[in-house]
Amino acid sequence: MVNNNLNSALSTFNFDTNDRLQNLAIKPLAVIISASGQDNVTPGSTFNLSMMVTNKGNQSAVIEVYIQEESKGLRQWCKSGQKLLALGSDRSEEVIFEFDIPVDTLPGLYNYIVVVDAPDDYPEYTPIQYQQYLQIVPATADIINSSDPTFISYPTTSPDSPSIIQPGGALAVQILVQNRGDRVDKFRLVCEDLPKNWVTITYPQAFQGTGLIIETDCLNLNPGENGQISLLINPPINTLAGKYIPTMRLHSENNPELKLLDISKI
């Protein structure tokens, strides 16, 4: 009876061990990206993103690699934002995406995602996503305030492509802020040119030493750190139809004289 129980326990152990080993199996696709993840480029320049894709699986695979924009318009900077690979087992191929930055691009942080997908051959392991950022910096050689903070809002708007808010609806805007200084800084957002009851600004929650979550009235960022502020524009249902152009102003506690502006069209 004891031997039967022992054999049963050993069988269960071996089954569980084999299952764990299968879960720890090497993933069939390996990707090496040459970029740092946050790369500085200037307007009018060209940025090359190089990737090495390796098929480590035991079968041939058709692999799609493409750029998925998060900052509106960034996809247009890339001449060919989609590549198709046919790789045999243990074969590799380099993929290069070339970004031509328009001369009139405003300084700021622009984000995108590199996606590696093989839905027909490795559906359980793909898609694989890699978050990337392009920091557009001024092209002038005499940059004095390179440590000034920057921010960018999403979705972006233009006179030809404003954001549409239906009656009773709302527009959610994400503000991505980067602290490029060498000190901890606090950032506060103000949305001008709209009634106060239309606007709700939310900062990331903070944690006390006791583990309690507390609401904050600013965005705290360490040197070199990025963070997000959420802005919700919610006009009353009886608001008259028309074009509204609110101005978003970001205030830095360390640099109160610095005025960072962005204009949105709704």
Protein backbone atom coordinates (compact mmCIF):
# COMPACT_ATOMS: atom_id res chain seq x y z
CA MET A 1 0.00 0.00 0.00
CA VAL A 2 2.88 2.32 0.92
CA ASN A 3 4.68 1.51 -2.34
CA ASN A 4 1.54 2.28 -4.36
CA ASN A 5 1.19 5.67 -2.66
CA LEU A 6 4.88 6.41 -3.22
CA ASN A 7 4.69 5.48 -6.91
CA SER A 8 1.62 7.66 -7.30
CA ALA A 9 3.37 10.59 -5.63
CA LEU A 10 6.46 10.15 -7.83
CA SER A 11 4.30 10.05 -10.98
CA THR A 12 2.59 13.28 -9.94
CA PHE A 13 5.96 14.87 -9.18
CA ASN A 14 7.38 13.89 -12.57
CA PHE A 15 4.28 15.19 -14.37
CA ASP A 16 4.47 18.53 -12.55
CA THR A 17 8.21 18.77 -13.20
CA ASN A 18 7.83 18.08 -16.92
CA ASP A 19 5.02 20.65 -17.09
CA ARG A 20 7.22 23.28 -15.44
CA LEU A 21 10.11 22.49 -17.77
CA GLN A 22 7.85 22.95 -20.78
CA ASN A 23 6.73 26.31 -19.43
CA LEU A 24 10.39 27.31 -19.06
CA ALA A 25 11.18 26.30 -22.64
CA ILE A 26 13.13 28.83 -24.70
CA LYS A 27 10.85 31.14 -26.63
CA PRO A 28 11.15 30.57 -30.37
CA LEU A 29 11.79 34.20 -31.35
CA ALA A 30 14.75 36.24 -30.11
CA VAL A 31 14.94 39.98 -30.84
CA ILE A 32 17.88 42.34 -30.28
CA ILE A 33 17.21 46.06 -30.78
CA SER A 34 20.12 48.44 -31.36
CA ALA A 35 18.29 51.49 -29.99
CA SER A 36 18.40 52.48 -26.32
CA GLY A 37 14.63 52.73 -26.10
CA GLN A 38 14.75 56.52 -25.76
CA ASP A 39 16.83 58.10 -28.51
CA ASN A 40 17.61 61.78 -29.08
CA VAL A 41 17.14 63.07 -32.63
CA THR A 42 16.89 66.53 -34.18
CA PRO A 43 14.34 67.90 -36.68
CA GLY A 44 15.48 67.33 -40.25
CA SER A 45 17.68 64.35 -39.34
CA THR A 46 17.37 60.61 -40.03
CA PHE A 47 17.16 57.95 -37.33
CA ASN A 48 17.78 54.26 -38.05
CA LEU A 49 16.30 51.59 -35.81
CA SER A 50 18.13 48.28 -36.33
CA MET A 51 16.84 44.92 -35.11
CA MET A 52 18.15 41.37 -35.32
CA VAL A 53 15.38 38.75 -35.38
CA THR A 54 16.30 35.09 -34.81
CA ASN A 55 14.04 32.07 -35.22
CA LYS A 56 15.14 29.67 -32.47
CA GLY A 57 12.20 27.36 -33.00
CA ASN A 58 12.33 23.96 -34.68
CA GLN A 59 10.28 25.06 -37.68
CA SER A 60 10.33 27.71 -40.38
CA ALA A 61 8.26 30.80 -39.66
CA VAL A 62 6.81 33.84 -41.41
CA ILE A 63 7.43 36.81 -39.13
CA GLU A 64 5.93 40.28 -39.42
CA VAL A 65 7.78 43.23 -37.86
CA TYR A 66 6.10 46.62 -37.88
CA ILE A 67 5.89 50.05 -36.25
CA GLN A 68 2.76 50.85 -34.28
CA GLU A 69 2.46 54.56 -33.59
CA GLU A 70 1.26 55.95 -30.28
CA SER A 71 2.13 59.58 -30.97
CA LYS A 72 -0.03 60.63 -33.89
CA GLY A 73 1.87 61.24 -37.13
CA LEU A 74 5.03 59.38 -36.13
CA ARG A 75 4.22 56.47 -38.45
CA GLN A 76 4.50 58.85 -41.42
CA TRP A 77 8.15 59.52 -40.55
CA CYS A 78 9.05 55.91 -41.36
CA LYS A 79 9.50 55.17 -45.08
CA SER A 80 8.58 51.51 -44.71
CA GLY A 81 7.06 50.70 -41.34
CA GLN A 82 6.36 47.03 -42.04
CA LYS A 83 8.75 44.17 -42.85
CA LEU A 84 7.96 40.52 -43.62
CA LEU A 85 10.54 37.84 -42.86
CA ALA A 86 10.66 34.15 -43.82
CA LEU A 87 13.13 32.49 -41.47
CA GLY A 88 14.12 28.87 -41.27
CA SER A 89 15.00 27.26 -37.97
CA ASP A 90 18.08 28.85 -36.33
CA ARG A 91 18.18 31.57 -38.97
CA SER A 92 18.50 35.33 -38.35
CA GLU A 93 17.85 38.47 -40.35
CA GLU A 94 18.41 42.17 -39.71
CA VAL A 95 15.53 44.61 -39.98
CA ILE A 96 16.12 48.36 -40.33
CA PHE A 97 13.45 51.03 -39.97
CA GLU A 98 14.45 54.48 -41.22
CA PHE A 99 12.76 57.53 -39.69
CA ASP A 100 12.98 60.88 -41.52
CA ILE A 101 12.20 63.56 -38.93
CA PRO A 102 10.42 66.55 -40.55
CA VAL A 103 12.22 69.89 -40.21
CA ASP A 104 9.20 71.50 -38.54
CA THR A 105 8.78 68.80 -35.84
CA LEU A 106 8.26 70.35 -32.42
CA PRO A 107 10.63 69.30 -29.62
CA GLY A 108 9.12 66.71 -27.31
CA LEU A 109 8.88 63.03 -26.50
CA TYR A 110 7.22 60.83 -29.13
CA ASN A 111 6.42 57.20 -28.41
CA TYR A 112 5.84 54.13 -30.58
CA ILE A 113 5.83 50.35 -30.30
CA VAL A 114 7.82 47.81 -32.31
CA VAL A 115 5.71 44.68 -32.83
CA VAL A 116 7.09 41.25 -33.78
CA ASP A 117 4.33 38.83 -34.76
CA ALA A 118 4.10 35.30 -36.16
CA PRO A 119 0.39 34.46 -35.80
CA ASP A 120 0.45 31.41 -38.08
CA ASP A 121 3.59 29.71 -36.79
CA TYR A 122 3.98 30.87 -33.17
CA PRO A 123 0.55 32.14 -32.11
CA GLU A 124 1.12 31.27 -28.44
CA TYR A 125 4.32 33.36 -28.24
CA THR A 126 3.40 36.40 -30.29
CA PRO A 127 2.85 39.28 -30.74
CA ILE A 128 5.90 40.62 -28.87
CA GLN A 129 5.89 44.36 -28.19
CA TYR A 130 8.78 46.73 -27.45
CA GLN A 131 8.00 50.25 -26.18
CA GLN A 132 10.26 52.89 -27.76
CA TYR A 133 10.61 56.69 -27.50
CA LEU A 134 12.08 59.37 -29.75
CA GLN A 135 13.14 62.54 -27.96
CA ILE A 136 13.06 65.39 -30.48
CA VAL A 137 15.57 68.03 -29.37
CA PRO A 138 16.28 71.48 -30.87
CA ALA A 139 18.66 71.40 -33.81
CA THR A 140 20.58 74.56 -32.83
CA ALA A 141 24.16 74.07 -31.73
CA ASP A 142 23.93 76.61 -28.92
CA ILE A 143 21.36 74.83 -26.79
CA ILE A 144 21.49 76.42 -23.36
CA ASN A 145 18.47 74.92 -21.66
CA SER A 146 18.93 71.26 -22.63
CA SER A 147 17.96 70.34 -19.08
CA ASP A 148 14.55 71.99 -19.36
CA PRO A 149 11.61 69.60 -18.93
CA THR A 150 9.53 68.66 -21.96
CA PHE A 151 6.03 67.32 -22.47
CA ILE A 152 3.80 66.09 -25.26
CA SER A 153 0.05 65.52 -25.33
CA TYR A 154 -1.82 62.66 -26.95
CA PRO A 155 -3.96 62.57 -29.01
CA THR A 156 -2.35 65.31 -31.06
CA THR A 157 -4.56 67.69 -33.01
CA SER A 158 -4.25 70.12 -35.90
CA PRO A 159 -6.51 72.62 -37.69
CA ASP A 160 -7.26 69.92 -40.27
CA SER A 161 -7.68 67.14 -37.72
CA PRO A 162 -9.33 68.37 -34.50
CA SER A 163 -10.60 66.06 -31.80
CA ILE A 164 -14.36 65.56 -31.95
CA ILE A 165 -16.48 65.50 -28.79
CA GLN A 166 -20.06 64.34 -29.25
CA PRO A 167 -22.84 65.93 -27.14
CA GLY A 168 -22.59 64.49 -23.64
CA GLY A 169 -19.22 62.94 -24.45
CA ALA A 170 -15.72 63.60 -23.18
CA LEU A 171 -12.15 63.74 -24.48
CA ALA A 172 -9.36 62.00 -22.56
CA VAL A 173 -5.89 63.50 -23.09
CA GLN A 174 -2.64 62.01 -21.82
CA ILE A 175 0.26 64.35 -21.03
CA LEU A 176 3.67 62.66 -21.09
CA VAL A 177 6.25 64.67 -19.11
CA GLN A 178 10.03 64.19 -18.97
CA ASN A 179 12.22 65.69 -16.26
CA ARG A 180 15.55 66.33 -17.99
CA GLY A 181 17.01 68.20 -15.02
CA ASP A 182 19.36 66.94 -12.32
CA ARG A 183 16.91 67.53 -9.43
CA VAL A 184 13.59 66.10 -8.35
CA ASP A 185 10.84 68.31 -9.76
CA LYS A 186 7.10 68.77 -9.32
CA PHE A 187 4.88 69.49 -12.31
CA ARG A 188 1.37 70.93 -12.38
CA LEU A 189 -0.91 71.23 -15.40
CA VAL A 190 -3.32 74.07 -16.12
CA CYS A 191 -5.85 73.98 -18.96
CA GLU A 192 -6.68 77.53 -20.00
CA ASP A 193 -9.41 78.99 -22.23
CA LEU A 194 -12.08 76.50 -21.06
CA PRO A 195 -14.55 76.76 -18.16
CA LYS A 196 -13.17 75.09 -15.03
CA ASN A 197 -16.15 72.74 -14.72
CA TRP A 198 -15.26 71.25 -18.13
CA VAL A 199 -11.83 70.09 -17.03
CA THR A 200 -10.62 67.34 -14.68
CA ILE A 201 -6.87 66.90 -14.12
CA THR A 202 -5.63 63.72 -12.46
CA TYR A 203 -2.11 63.09 -11.21
CA PRO A 204 -0.60 59.66 -10.42
CA GLN A 205 -1.40 58.40 -6.94
CA ALA A 206 1.37 58.24 -4.34
CA PHE A 207 2.07 55.67 -1.65
CA GLN A 208 2.89 56.42 1.97
CA GLY A 209 5.28 54.29 3.99
CA THR A 210 2.30 52.55 5.55
CA GLY A 211 1.13 51.42 2.11
CA LEU A 212 -1.78 53.87 2.01
CA ILE A 213 -2.65 55.42 -1.35
CA ILE A 214 -2.93 59.22 -1.29
CA GLU A 215 -4.14 61.67 -3.91
CA THR A 216 -1.59 64.25 -5.09
CA ASP A 217 -1.87 67.70 -6.64
CA CYS A 218 1.22 67.38 -8.82
CA LEU A 219 3.43 64.98 -10.77
CA ASN A 220 6.67 64.16 -8.92
CA LEU A 221 9.56 63.10 -11.17
CA ASN A 222 13.12 62.12 -10.38
CA PRO A 223 15.93 63.30 -12.72
CA GLY A 224 15.61 61.63 -16.13
CA GLU A 225 12.22 60.14 -15.26
CA ASN A 226 9.02 60.20 -17.34
CA GLY A 227 5.47 60.41 -16.03
CA GLN A 228 1.89 60.97 -17.15
CA ILE A 229 -0.86 63.41 -16.24
CA SER A 230 -4.44 62.65 -17.27
CA LEU A 231 -6.71 65.42 -18.55
CA LEU A 232 -10.44 64.90 -19.13
CA ILE A 233 -12.41 67.51 -21.08
CA ASN A 234 -16.13 66.97 -20.48
CA PRO A 235 -18.36 69.80 -21.81
CA PRO A 236 -21.95 69.97 -20.54
CA ILE A 237 -24.52 68.34 -22.80
CA ASN A 238 -26.03 71.74 -23.67
CA THR A 239 -22.72 73.18 -24.92
CA LEU A 240 -23.05 75.02 -28.21
CA ALA A 241 -21.41 73.35 -31.21
CA GLY A 242 -18.26 75.02 -32.42
CA LYS A 243 -14.46 75.03 -32.35
CA TYR A 244 -12.67 75.38 -29.01
CA ILE A 245 -8.91 75.88 -28.67
CA PRO A 246 -7.74 75.24 -25.11
CA THR A 247 -4.14 75.92 -24.08
CA MET A 248 -2.36 73.44 -21.82
CA ARG A 249 0.34 75.01 -19.64
CA LEU A 250 2.80 72.90 -17.65
CA HIS A 251 4.43 74.50 -14.60
CA SER A 252 7.76 73.33 -13.15
CA GLU A 253 8.34 73.99 -9.44
CA ASN A 254 12.11 74.18 -9.99
CA ASN A 255 11.74 76.58 -12.93
CA PRO A 256 8.68 78.75 -12.22
CA GLU A 257 9.66 81.19 -14.98
CA LEU A 258 9.62 78.41 -17.56
CA LYS A 259 6.40 78.33 -19.62
CA LEU A 260 5.71 75.07 -21.44
CA LEU A 261 2.68 75.37 -23.71
CA ASP A 262 0.67 73.08 -25.94
CA ILE A 263 -2.47 73.97 -27.86
CA SER A 264 -5.26 71.50 -28.55
CA LYS A 265 -8.16 71.86 -30.99
CA ILE A 266 -11.57 70.32 -30.28
